Amino acid sequence: MAEYEWTAEGVADHLEEAFRTLRKLPPVRVQGYFNAWPEVLRTSREIAAMEPEPMRVWPSAAAITRLEQTFDWVLWIDEAERRLVWSRAARVPWKQISGELGCDRTTAWRRWQLALTKIAARLNAL
């Protein structure tokens, strides 16, 4: 079985998947509050008149495992690079990223490529 050779593009794809998985996780709620009332039984007419609830897609266990691996990867780069990498995984436009970094788009892209290359090099060394 051939080992996977990590590249900057592969790391970027993995980070985008991790961001999508993170968005699919349920929201954090305050513990201790619950509802002890029984479920309300509705008629078919009431159900037809209700607003449809959005379908919730939960991430798979494998996706959550890959997300946890990604959390370990981002510890290998400094904080400014982490922000840049997660911003690009969230598909924030380059114009906004370069404004936050205080540099032009090309410099921001080079820093992003450098951060991805650092992660890929570390993964290939393992």
Protein backbone atom coordinates (compact mmCIF):
# COMPACT_ATOMS: atom_id res chain seq x y z
CA MET A 1 0.00 0.00 0.00
CA ALA A 2 1.50 3.32 -1.07
CA GLU A 3 1.66 6.10 1.46
CA TYR A 4 -0.12 9.35 0.66
CA GLU A 5 2.16 12.21 -0.40
CA TRP A 6 0.82 15.43 1.13
CA THR A 7 0.83 18.60 -0.97
CA ALA A 8 -0.30 22.14 -0.21
CA GLU A 9 -3.48 21.57 -2.26
CA GLY A 10 -4.25 18.38 -0.35
CA VAL A 11 -3.82 20.16 2.97
CA ALA A 12 -6.03 23.04 1.77
CA ASP A 13 -8.76 20.57 0.72
CA HIS A 14 -8.50 18.83 4.09
CA LEU A 15 -8.83 22.15 5.93
CA GLU A 16 -11.91 23.12 3.88
CA GLU A 17 -13.52 19.78 4.71
CA ALA A 18 -12.68 20.32 8.39
CA PHE A 19 -14.33 23.74 8.31
CA ARG A 20 -17.48 22.29 6.68
CA THR A 21 -17.55 19.51 9.30
CA LEU A 22 -17.20 22.07 12.08
CA ARG A 23 -20.18 24.00 10.69
CA LYS A 24 -22.31 20.82 10.65
CA LEU A 25 -21.78 20.07 14.34
CA PRO A 26 -24.69 20.92 16.65
CA PRO A 27 -24.51 24.21 18.54
CA VAL A 28 -23.23 24.26 22.11
CA ARG A 29 -26.06 24.74 24.59
CA VAL A 30 -26.21 25.45 28.29
CA GLN A 31 -26.47 22.21 30.21
CA GLY A 32 -29.05 21.71 32.89
CA TYR A 33 -32.14 22.89 31.04
CA PHE A 34 -34.52 20.33 29.63
CA ASN A 35 -38.14 19.90 28.80
CA ALA A 36 -40.19 17.31 30.69
CA TRP A 37 -43.41 17.96 28.76
CA PRO A 38 -44.69 15.16 26.54
CA GLU A 39 -44.44 15.52 22.76
CA VAL A 40 -47.42 17.32 21.24
CA LEU A 41 -49.42 15.11 18.91
CA ARG A 42 -50.44 17.01 15.80
CA THR A 43 -53.05 16.21 13.20
CA SER A 44 -52.13 15.81 9.54
CA ARG A 45 -53.80 19.16 8.79
CA GLU A 46 -51.66 20.92 11.41
CA ILE A 47 -48.53 19.26 10.05
CA ALA A 48 -49.38 20.38 6.51
CA ALA A 49 -49.85 24.00 7.68
CA MET A 50 -46.52 24.11 9.54
CA GLU A 51 -43.39 25.75 8.17
CA PRO A 52 -40.95 23.09 6.99
CA GLU A 53 -37.88 22.77 9.19
CA PRO A 54 -34.52 22.81 7.44
CA MET A 55 -33.00 19.38 7.05
CA ARG A 56 -30.02 18.97 9.34
CA VAL A 57 -27.12 16.92 7.99
CA TRP A 58 -24.87 15.59 10.73
CA PRO A 59 -21.19 14.85 10.03
CA SER A 60 -19.99 11.26 9.97
CA ALA A 61 -17.64 9.81 12.57
CA ALA A 62 -14.82 9.68 10.01
CA ALA A 63 -15.30 13.38 9.21
CA ILE A 64 -15.11 14.25 12.91
CA THR A 65 -11.91 12.19 13.24
CA ARG A 66 -10.35 14.08 10.32
CA LEU A 67 -11.47 17.35 11.96
CA GLU A 68 -9.67 16.39 15.18
CA GLN A 69 -6.52 15.57 13.18
CA THR A 70 -6.70 19.00 11.58
CA PHE A 71 -6.79 20.64 15.01
CA ASP A 72 -3.43 18.99 15.73
CA TRP A 73 -2.00 20.20 12.42
CA VAL A 74 -2.74 23.87 12.99
CA LEU A 75 -0.63 23.77 16.17
CA TRP A 76 2.43 23.39 13.94
CA ILE A 77 2.09 26.93 12.56
CA ASP A 78 1.98 30.30 14.33
CA GLU A 79 -1.20 32.12 15.26
CA ALA A 80 -1.22 34.58 12.34
CA GLU A 81 -0.85 31.69 9.89
CA ARG A 82 -3.66 29.81 11.67
CA ARG A 83 -6.01 32.74 11.15
CA LEU A 84 -5.03 32.96 7.51
CA VAL A 85 -5.46 29.22 6.89
CA TRP A 86 -8.87 29.09 8.61
CA SER A 87 -10.02 32.22 6.80
CA ARG A 88 -9.24 30.61 3.46
CA ALA A 89 -10.90 27.35 4.56
CA ALA A 90 -14.00 29.46 5.31
CA ARG A 91 -13.66 30.96 1.78
CA VAL A 92 -13.19 34.50 3.00
CA PRO A 93 -12.27 36.66 -0.04
CA TRP A 94 -8.61 37.52 -0.56
CA LYS A 95 -9.42 41.23 -0.51
CA GLN A 96 -10.75 41.00 3.05
CA ILE A 97 -7.86 38.80 4.19
CA SER A 98 -5.25 41.13 2.72
CA GLY A 99 -6.96 44.08 4.42
CA GLU A 100 -6.77 42.31 7.79
CA LEU A 101 -3.12 41.39 7.27
CA GLY A 102 -2.17 44.83 5.97
CA CYS A 103 -0.55 43.55 2.80
CA ASP A 104 -1.47 43.01 -0.83
CA ARG A 105 -3.26 39.94 -2.17
CA THR A 106 -0.14 38.29 -3.57
CA THR A 107 1.71 38.52 -0.27
CA ALA A 108 -1.28 37.06 1.58
CA TRP A 109 -1.46 34.22 -0.94
CA ARG A 110 2.28 33.52 -0.52
CA ARG A 111 1.92 33.41 3.27
CA TRP A 112 -1.03 31.02 2.89
CA GLN A 113 1.00 28.78 0.56
CA LEU A 114 3.92 28.84 3.00
CA ALA A 115 1.69 27.80 5.91
CA LEU A 116 0.19 24.96 3.87
CA THR A 117 3.65 23.85 2.76
CA LYS A 118 4.85 23.80 6.39
CA ILE A 119 1.96 21.52 7.34
CA ALA A 120 2.49 19.28 4.29
CA ALA A 121 6.22 18.97 5.00
CA ARG A 122 5.54 18.02 8.59
CA LEU A 123 2.94 15.44 7.52
CA ASN A 124 5.31 13.92 4.96
CA ALA A 125 8.03 13.69 7.61
CA LEU A 126 5.80 11.58 9.87
